[in-house]
Amino acid sequence: HKKVNKHMDPFLVTFEVKDREDIIMFSHDGEEFVYVLNGQLEFITDNNNDIILNEGDSLYFEADIHHGYRAIKEPSLALVVVYNKI
């Protein structure tokens, strides 16, 4: 069902291993929550506030910062929830 006035979009995302220069950076309105289900994920921002997330780690942030992700050694699976401020 499509919820009326929905604010959150949950996704199961598989992140691939890639070189840092191949990461697609983006920003958007709202907030974002990431929970790593398996693997190791690198969260990257323009201000060099990079964070390594391991299995079981989570991250919650304002999504209007320029950010991107990449898996480190093998593909990584994460639950990503995007909250859109409407």
PDB file of N, CA and C in Angstrom:
ATOM      1  N   HIS A   1       0.837  -1.194   0.000  1.00  0.00           N
ATOM      2  CA  HIS A   1       0.000   0.000   0.000  1.00  0.00           C
ATOM      3  C   HIS A   1       0.872   1.243   0.000  1.00  0.00           C
ATOM      4  N   LYS A   2       0.371   2.253  -0.648  1.00  0.00           N
ATOM      5  CA  LYS A   2       0.998   3.562  -0.563  1.00  0.00           C
ATOM      6  C   LYS A   2       0.351   4.299   0.605  1.00  0.00           C
ATOM      7  N   LYS A   3       1.154   4.660   1.589  1.00  0.00           N
ATOM      8  CA  LYS A   3       0.636   5.392   2.735  1.00  0.00           C
ATOM      9  C   LYS A   3       0.443   6.847   2.339  1.00  0.00           C
ATOM     10  N   VAL A   4      -0.672   7.399   2.725  1.00  0.00           N
ATOM     11  CA  VAL A   4      -0.924   8.812   2.482  1.00  0.00           C
ATOM     12  C   VAL A   4      -0.007   9.626   3.384  1.00  0.00           C
ATOM     13  N   ASN A   5       0.590  10.679   2.846  1.00  0.00           N
ATOM     14  CA  ASN A   5       1.492  11.568   3.605  1.00  0.00           C
ATOM     15  C   ASN A   5       2.696  10.821   4.173  1.00  0.00           C
ATOM     16  N   LYS A   6       3.220   9.890   3.420  1.00  0.00           N
ATOM     17  CA  LYS A   6       4.386   9.102   3.854  1.00  0.00           C
ATOM     18  C   LYS A   6       5.619  10.007   3.927  1.00  0.00           C
ATOM     19  N   HIS A   7       6.421   9.834   4.973  1.00  0.00           N
ATOM     20  CA  HIS A   7       7.633  10.625   5.158  1.00  0.00           C
ATOM     21  C   HIS A   7       8.901   9.792   5.075  1.00  0.00           C
ATOM     22  N   MET A   8       8.811   8.468   5.282  1.00  0.00           N
ATOM     23  CA  MET A   8       9.999   7.620   5.288  1.00  0.00           C
ATOM     24  C   MET A   8       9.968   6.646   4.118  1.00  0.00           C
ATOM     25  N   ASP A   9      11.146   6.408   3.549  1.00  0.00           N
ATOM     26  CA  ASP A   9      11.313   5.410   2.497  1.00  0.00           C
ATOM     27  C   ASP A   9      12.415   4.448   2.925  1.00  0.00           C
ATOM     28  N   PRO A  10      12.079   3.190   3.246  1.00  0.00           N
ATOM     29  CA  PRO A  10      13.102   2.202   3.623  1.00  0.00           C
ATOM     30  C   PRO A  10      13.583   1.425   2.395  1.00  0.00           C
ATOM     31  N   PHE A  11      14.884   1.131   2.380  1.00  0.00           N
ATOM     32  CA  PHE A  11      15.494   0.382   1.280  1.00  0.00           C
ATOM     33  C   PHE A  11      16.483  -0.631   1.831  1.00  0.00           C
ATOM     34  N   LEU A  12      16.583  -1.792   1.194  1.00  0.00           N
ATOM     35  CA  LEU A  12      17.701  -2.704   1.405  1.00  0.00           C
ATOM     36  C   LEU A  12      18.643  -2.444   0.244  1.00  0.00           C
ATOM     37  N   VAL A  13      19.864  -2.024   0.556  1.00  0.00           N
ATOM     38  CA  VAL A  13      20.798  -1.607  -0.485  1.00  0.00           C
ATOM     39  C   VAL A  13      22.065  -2.461  -0.427  1.00  0.00           C
ATOM     40  N   THR A  14      22.468  -2.990  -1.575  1.00  0.00           N
ATOM     41  CA  THR A  14      23.761  -3.657  -1.685  1.00  0.00           C
ATOM     42  C   THR A  14      24.746  -2.647  -2.263  1.00  0.00           C
ATOM     43  N   PHE A  15      25.779  -2.347  -1.494  1.00  0.00           N
ATOM     44  CA  PHE A  15      26.829  -1.424  -1.922  1.00  0.00           C
ATOM     45  C   PHE A  15      27.980  -2.238  -2.484  1.00  0.00           C
ATOM     46  N   GLU A  16      28.466  -1.847  -3.636  1.00  0.00           N
ATOM     47  CA  GLU A  16      29.559  -2.550  -4.301  1.00  0.00           C
ATOM     48  C   GLU A  16      30.909  -1.967  -3.885  1.00  0.00           C
ATOM     49  N   VAL A  17      31.943  -2.794  -4.006  1.00  0.00           N
ATOM     50  CA  VAL A  17      33.317  -2.337  -3.790  1.00  0.00           C
ATOM     51  C   VAL A  17      33.681  -1.445  -4.969  1.00  0.00           C
ATOM     52  N   LYS A  18      34.242  -0.273  -4.678  1.00  0.00           N
ATOM     53  CA  LYS A  18      34.664   0.627  -5.752  1.00  0.00           C
ATOM     54  C   LYS A  18      35.777   1.529  -5.248  1.00  0.00           C
ATOM     55  N   ASP A  19      36.502   2.103  -6.184  1.00  0.00           N
ATOM     56  CA  ASP A  19      37.533   3.065  -5.839  1.00  0.00           C
ATOM     57  C   ASP A  19      36.876   4.344  -5.344  1.00  0.00           C
ATOM     58  N   ARG A  20      37.568   5.042  -4.480  1.00  0.00           N
ATOM     59  CA  ARG A  20      37.030   6.276  -3.891  1.00  0.00           C
ATOM     60  C   ARG A  20      36.612   7.282  -4.966  1.00  0.00           C
ATOM     61  N   GLU A  21      37.420   7.408  -6.014  1.00  0.00           N
ATOM     62  CA  GLU A  21      37.105   8.393  -7.056  1.00  0.00           C
ATOM     63  C   GLU A  21      35.879   8.002  -7.888  1.00  0.00           C
ATOM     64  N   ASP A  22      35.389   6.779  -7.747  1.00  0.00           N
ATOM     65  CA  ASP A  22      34.208   6.327  -8.481  1.00  0.00           C
ATOM     66  C   ASP A  22      32.903   6.483  -7.687  1.00  0.00           C
ATOM     67  N   ILE A  23      33.009   6.977  -6.464  1.00  0.00           N
ATOM     68  CA  ILE A  23      31.822   7.145  -5.626  1.00  0.00           C
ATOM     69  C   ILE A  23      30.974   8.295  -6.154  1.00  0.00           C
ATOM     70  N   ILE A  24      29.692   8.068  -6.269  1.00  0.00           N
ATOM     71  CA  ILE A  24      28.756   9.122  -6.659  1.00  0.00           C
ATOM     72  C   ILE A  24      28.292   9.824  -5.386  1.00  0.00           C
ATOM     73  N   MET A  25      28.566  11.117  -5.313  1.00  0.00           N
ATOM     74  CA  MET A  25      28.189  11.917  -4.149  1.00  0.00           C
ATOM     75  C   MET A  25      26.842  12.584  -4.432  1.00  0.00           C
ATOM     76  N   PHE A  26      26.032  12.738  -3.386  1.00  0.00           N
ATOM     77  CA  PHE A  26      24.730  13.377  -3.555  1.00  0.00           C
ATOM     78  C   PHE A  26      24.289  13.969  -2.229  1.00  0.00           C
ATOM     79  N   SER A  27      23.253  14.783  -2.281  1.00  0.00           N
ATOM     80  CA  SER A  27      22.614  15.330  -1.088  1.00  0.00           C
ATOM     81  C   SER A  27      21.127  15.469  -1.406  1.00  0.00           C
ATOM     82  N   HIS A  28      20.323  15.535  -0.371  1.00  0.00           N
ATOM     83  CA  HIS A  28      18.883  15.670  -0.554  1.00  0.00           C
ATOM     84  C   HIS A  28      18.280  16.189   0.735  1.00  0.00           C
ATOM     85  N   ASP A  29      17.075  16.678   0.654  1.00  0.00           N
ATOM     86  CA  ASP A  29      16.378  17.155   1.848  1.00  0.00           C
ATOM     87  C   ASP A  29      16.097  15.993   2.784  1.00  0.00           C
ATOM     88  N   GLY A  30      15.948  16.308   4.054  1.00  0.00           N
ATOM     89  CA  GLY A  30      15.535  15.302   5.022  1.00  0.00           C
ATOM     90  C   GLY A  30      16.675  14.726   5.829  1.00  0.00           C
ATOM     91  N   GLU A  31      16.452  13.524   6.324  1.00  0.00           N
ATOM     92  CA  GLU A  31      17.396  12.818   7.179  1.00  0.00           C
ATOM     93  C   GLU A  31      17.578  11.414   6.637  1.00  0.00           C
ATOM     94  N   GLU A  32      18.687  10.780   7.048  1.00  0.00           N
ATOM     95  CA  GLU A  32      18.976   9.434   6.553  1.00  0.00           C
ATOM     96  C   GLU A  32      19.497   8.577   7.704  1.00  0.00           C
ATOM     97  N   PHE A  33      19.059   7.324   7.726  1.00  0.00           N
ATOM     98  CA  PHE A  33      19.512   6.338   8.709  1.00  0.00           C
ATOM     99  C   PHE A  33      20.055   5.147   7.935  1.00  0.00           C
ATOM    100  N   VAL A  34      21.228   4.670   8.339  1.00  0.00           N
ATOM    101  CA  VAL A  34      21.862   3.518   7.688  1.00  0.00           C
ATOM    102  C   VAL A  34      22.223   2.505   8.769  1.00  0.00           C
ATOM    103  N   TYR A  35      21.854   1.232   8.557  1.00  0.00           N
ATOM    104  CA  TYR A  35      22.219   0.143   9.459  1.00  0.00           C
ATOM    105  C   TYR A  35      22.875  -0.944   8.615  1.00  0.00           C
ATOM    106  N   VAL A  36      24.127  -1.262   8.909  1.00  0.00           N
ATOM    107  CA  VAL A  36      24.885  -2.233   8.121  1.00  0.00           C
ATOM    108  C   VAL A  36      24.520  -3.645   8.572  1.00  0.00           C
ATOM    109  N   LEU A  37      23.956  -4.421   7.653  1.00  0.00           N
ATOM    110  CA  LEU A  37      23.560  -5.801   7.943  1.00  0.00           C
ATOM    111  C   LEU A  37      24.718  -6.772   7.777  1.00  0.00           C
ATOM    112  N   ASN A  38      25.557  -6.542   6.758  1.00  0.00           N
ATOM    113  CA  ASN A  38      26.791  -7.330   6.634  1.00  0.00           C
ATOM    114  C   ASN A  38      27.799  -6.573   5.791  1.00  0.00           C
ATOM    115  N   GLY A  39      29.056  -6.926   5.990  1.00  0.00           N
ATOM    116  CA  GLY A  39      30.134  -6.255   5.277  1.00  0.00           C
ATOM    117  C   GLY A  39      30.640  -5.030   6.014  1.00  0.00           C
ATOM    118  N   GLN A  40      31.398  -4.242   5.291  1.00  0.00           N
ATOM    119  CA  GLN A  40      31.999  -3.035   5.837  1.00  0.00           C
ATOM    120  C   GLN A  40      31.754  -1.906   4.841  1.00  0.00           C
ATOM    121  N   LEU A  41      31.224  -0.798   5.335  1.00  0.00           N
ATOM    122  CA  LEU A  41      30.789   0.298   4.487  1.00  0.00           C
ATOM    123  C   LEU A  41      31.530   1.569   4.883  1.00  0.00           C
ATOM    124  N   GLU A  42      31.981   2.318   3.891  1.00  0.00           N
ATOM    125  CA  GLU A  42      32.607   3.613   4.164  1.00  0.00           C
ATOM    126  C   GLU A  42      31.627   4.715   3.792  1.00  0.00           C
ATOM    127  N   PHE A  43      31.358   5.605   4.740  1.00  0.00           N
ATOM    128  CA  PHE A  43      30.515   6.780   4.540  1.00  0.00           C
ATOM    129  C   PHE A  43      31.449   7.963   4.325  1.00  0.00           C
ATOM    130  N   ILE A  44      31.255   8.668   3.217  1.00  0.00           N
ATOM    131  CA  ILE A  44      32.180   9.721   2.807  1.00  0.00           C
ATOM    132  C   ILE A  44      31.424  11.033   2.640  1.00  0.00           C
ATOM    133  N   THR A  45      32.037  12.127   3.114  1.00  0.00           N
ATOM    134  CA  THR A  45      31.459  13.463   2.946  1.00  0.00           C
ATOM    135  C   THR A  45      32.495  14.389   2.332  1.00  0.00           C
ATOM    136  N   ASP A  46      32.030  15.538   1.846  1.00  0.00           N
ATOM    137  CA  ASP A  46      32.934  16.527   1.264  1.00  0.00           C
ATOM    138  C   ASP A  46      33.892  17.131   2.288  1.00  0.00           C
ATOM    139  N   ASN A  47      33.494  17.149   3.554  1.00  0.00           N
ATOM    140  CA  ASN A  47      34.341  17.781   4.572  1.00  0.00           C
ATOM    141  C   ASN A  47      35.308  16.795   5.235  1.00  0.00           C
ATOM    142  N   ASN A  48      35.553  15.664   4.570  1.00  0.00           N
ATOM    143  CA  ASN A  48      36.500  14.644   5.042  1.00  0.00           C
ATOM    144  C   ASN A  48      36.158  14.092   6.422  1.00  0.00           C
ATOM    145  N   ASN A  49      34.876  14.030   6.727  1.00  0.00           N
ATOM    146  CA  ASN A  49      34.414  13.432   7.978  1.00  0.00           C
ATOM    147  C   ASN A  49      33.997  11.992   7.696  1.00  0.00           C
ATOM    148  N   ASP A  50      34.932  11.213   7.107  1.00  0.00           N
ATOM    149  CA  ASP A  50      34.634   9.847   6.668  1.00  0.00           C
ATOM    150  C   ASP A  50      34.527   8.897   7.855  1.00  0.00           C
ATOM    151  N   ILE A  51      33.618   7.937   7.734  1.00  0.00           N
ATOM    152  CA  ILE A  51      33.358   6.993   8.815  1.00  0.00           C
ATOM    153  C   ILE A  51      33.305   5.583   8.230  1.00  0.00           C
ATOM    154  N   ILE A  52      33.976   4.629   8.888  1.00  0.00           N
ATOM    155  CA  ILE A  52      33.889   3.215   8.521  1.00  0.00           C
ATOM    156  C   ILE A  52      32.820   2.571   9.398  1.00  0.00           C
ATOM    157  N   LEU A  53      31.841   1.935   8.753  1.00  0.00           N
ATOM    158  CA  LEU A  53      30.769   1.246   9.462  1.00  0.00           C
ATOM    159  C   LEU A  53      30.932  -0.249   9.264  1.00  0.00           C
ATOM    160  N   ASN A  54      30.927  -0.984  10.360  1.00  0.00           N
ATOM    161  CA  ASN A  54      31.018  -2.438  10.324  1.00  0.00           C
ATOM    162  C   ASN A  54      29.641  -3.044  10.555  1.00  0.00           C
ATOM    163  N   GLU A  55      29.536  -4.337  10.347  1.00  0.00           N
ATOM    164  CA  GLU A  55      28.282  -5.051  10.574  1.00  0.00           C
ATOM    165  C   GLU A  55      27.724  -4.705  11.946  1.00  0.00           C
ATOM    166  N   GLY A  56      26.459  -4.297  11.992  1.00  0.00           N
ATOM    167  CA  GLY A  56      25.808  -3.925  13.249  1.00  0.00           C
ATOM    168  C   GLY A  56      25.911  -2.447  13.581  1.00  0.00           C
ATOM    169  N   ASP A  57      26.739  -1.689  12.860  1.00  0.00           N
ATOM    170  CA  ASP A  57      26.860  -0.250  13.093  1.00  0.00           C
ATOM    171  C   ASP A  57      25.737   0.492  12.387  1.00  0.00           C
ATOM    172  N   SER A  58      25.410   1.668  12.914  1.00  0.00           N
ATOM    173  CA  SER A  58      24.398   2.499  12.276  1.00  0.00           C
ATOM    174  C   SER A  58      24.859   3.952  12.265  1.00  0.00           C
ATOM    175  N   LEU A  59      24.187   4.734  11.430  1.00  0.00           N
ATOM    176  CA  LEU A  59      24.529   6.140  11.259  1.00  0.00           C
ATOM    177  C   LEU A  59      23.239   6.895  10.981  1.00  0.00           C
ATOM    178  N   TYR A  60      23.085   8.065  11.595  1.00  0.00           N
ATOM    179  CA  TYR A  60      21.906   8.908  11.396  1.00  0.00           C
ATOM    180  C   TYR A  60      22.393  10.324  11.164  1.00  0.00           C
ATOM    181  N   PHE A  61      21.944  10.981  10.075  1.00  0.00           N
ATOM    182  CA  PHE A  61      22.486  12.304   9.750  1.00  0.00           C
ATOM    183  C   PHE A  61      21.510  13.118   8.925  1.00  0.00           C
ATOM    184  N   GLU A  62      21.751  14.421   8.900  1.00  0.00           N
ATOM    185  CA  GLU A  62      21.013  15.337   8.031  1.00  0.00           C
ATOM    186  C   GLU A  62      21.507  15.094   6.613  1.00  0.00           C
ATOM    187  N   ALA A  63      20.598  14.750   5.713  1.00  0.00           N
ATOM    188  CA  ALA A  63      20.979  14.295   4.377  1.00  0.00           C
ATOM    189  C   ALA A  63      21.316  15.428   3.414  1.00  0.00           C
ATOM    190  N   ASP A  64      21.260  16.683   3.873  1.00  0.00           N
ATOM    191  CA  ASP A  64      21.593  17.782   2.982  1.00  0.00           C
ATOM    192  C   ASP A  64      23.105  18.004   2.851  1.00  0.00           C
ATOM    193  N   ILE A  65      23.902  17.208   3.593  1.00  0.00           N
ATOM    194  CA  ILE A  65      25.348  17.254   3.379  1.00  0.00           C
ATOM    195  C   ILE A  65      25.686  16.388   2.165  1.00  0.00           C
ATOM    196  N   HIS A  66      26.692  16.766   1.438  1.00  0.00           N
ATOM    197  CA  HIS A  66      27.110  16.006   0.259  1.00  0.00           C
ATOM    198  C   HIS A  66      27.745  14.712   0.758  1.00  0.00           C
ATOM    199  N   HIS A  67      27.209  13.538   0.386  1.00  0.00           N
ATOM    200  CA  HIS A  67      27.671  12.271   0.935  1.00  0.00           C
ATOM    201  C   HIS A  67      27.611  11.150  -0.090  1.00  0.00           C
ATOM    202  N   GLY A  68      28.335  10.077   0.212  1.00  0.00           N
ATOM    203  CA  GLY A  68      28.339   8.891  -0.636  1.00  0.00           C
ATOM    204  C   GLY A  68      28.823   7.693   0.169  1.00  0.00           C
ATOM    205  N   TYR A  69      28.722   6.513  -0.425  1.00  0.00           N
ATOM    206  CA  TYR A  69      29.085   5.264   0.245  1.00  0.00           C
ATOM    207  C   TYR A  69      29.894   4.376  -0.699  1.00  0.00           C
ATOM    208  N   ARG A  70      30.655   3.476  -0.085  1.00  0.00           N
ATOM    209  CA  ARG A  70      31.276   2.396  -0.851  1.00  0.00           C
ATOM    210  C   ARG A  70      31.547   1.229   0.085  1.00  0.00           C
ATOM    211  N   ALA A  71      31.464   0.021  -0.452  1.00  0.00           N
ATOM    212  CA  ALA A  71      31.854  -1.167   0.304  1.00  0.00           C
ATOM    213  C   ALA A  71      33.379  -1.235   0.297  1.00  0.00           C
ATOM    214  N   ILE A  72      33.963  -1.799   1.339  1.00  0.00           N
ATOM    215  CA  ILE A  72      35.413  -1.816   1.473  1.00  0.00           C
ATOM    216  C   ILE A  72      36.052  -3.044   0.823  1.00  0.00           C
ATOM    217  N   LYS A  73      35.774  -4.250   1.313  1.00  0.00           N
ATOM    218  CA  LYS A  73      36.455  -5.455   0.822  1.00  0.00           C
ATOM    219  C   LYS A  73      35.562  -6.359  -0.003  1.00  0.00           C
ATOM    220  N   GLU A  74      34.268  -6.348   0.291  1.00  0.00           N
ATOM    221  CA  GLU A  74      33.291  -7.177  -0.409  1.00  0.00           C
ATOM    222  C   GLU A  74      31.973  -6.416  -0.411  1.00  0.00           C
ATOM    223  N   PRO A  75      31.036  -6.771  -1.283  1.00  0.00           N
ATOM    224  CA  PRO A  75      29.752  -6.069  -1.270  1.00  0.00           C
ATOM    225  C   PRO A  75      29.153  -6.057   0.136  1.00  0.00           C
ATOM    226  N   SER A  76      28.500  -4.967   0.465  1.00  0.00           N
ATOM    227  CA  SER A  76      27.936  -4.767   1.798  1.00  0.00           C
ATOM    228  C   SER A  76      26.433  -4.527   1.678  1.00  0.00           C
ATOM    229  N   LEU A  77      25.659  -5.114   2.590  1.00  0.00           N
ATOM    230  CA  LEU A  77      24.211  -4.949   2.600  1.00  0.00           C
ATOM    231  C   LEU A  77      23.817  -4.063   3.774  1.00  0.00           C
ATOM    232  N   ALA A  78      22.958  -3.078   3.507  1.00  0.00           N
ATOM    233  CA  ALA A  78      22.530  -2.162   4.559  1.00  0.00           C
ATOM    234  C   ALA A  78      21.048  -1.828   4.412  1.00  0.00           C
ATOM    235  N   LEU A  79      20.429  -1.577   5.540  1.00  0.00           N
ATOM    236  CA  LEU A  79      19.090  -1.016   5.570  1.00  0.00           C
ATOM    237  C   LEU A  79      19.272   0.494   5.580  1.00  0.00           C
ATOM    238  N   VAL A  80      18.680   1.169   4.606  1.00  0.00           N
ATOM    239  CA  VAL A  80      18.767   2.619   4.510  1.00  0.00           C
ATOM    240  C   VAL A  80      17.348   3.170   4.579  1.00  0.00           C
ATOM    241  N   VAL A  81      17.130   4.085   5.512  1.00  0.00           N
ATOM    242  CA  VAL A  81      15.813   4.719   5.651  1.00  0.00           C
ATOM    243  C   VAL A  81      15.998   6.221   5.429  1.00  0.00           C
ATOM    244  N   VAL A  82      15.282   6.741   4.447  1.00  0.00           N
ATOM    245  CA  VAL A  82      15.345   8.166   4.128  1.00  0.00           C
ATOM    246  C   VAL A  82      14.047   8.806   4.635  1.00  0.00           C
ATOM    247  N   TYR A  83      14.204   9.869   5.436  1.00  0.00           N
ATOM    248  CA  TYR A  83      13.060  10.622   5.937  1.00  0.00           C
ATOM    249  C   TYR A  83      13.004  11.931   5.174  1.00  0.00           C
ATOM    250  N   ASN A  84      11.893  12.163   4.497  1.00  0.00           N
ATOM    251  CA  ASN A  84      11.708  13.384   3.732  1.00  0.00           C
ATOM    252  C   ASN A  84      10.881  14.369   4.538  1.00  0.00           C
ATOM    253  N   LYS A  85      11.453  15.525   4.816  1.00  0.00           N
ATOM    254  CA  LYS A  85      10.714  16.569   5.522  1.00  0.00           C
ATOM    255  C   LYS A  85       9.762  17.216   4.520  1.00  0.00           C
ATOM    256  N   ILE A  86       8.500  17.057   4.769  1.00  0.00           N
ATOM    257  CA  ILE A  86       7.503  17.621   3.841  1.00  0.00           C
ATOM    258  C   ILE A  86       6.696  18.674   4.552  1.00  0.00           C
TER     259      ILE A  86
END
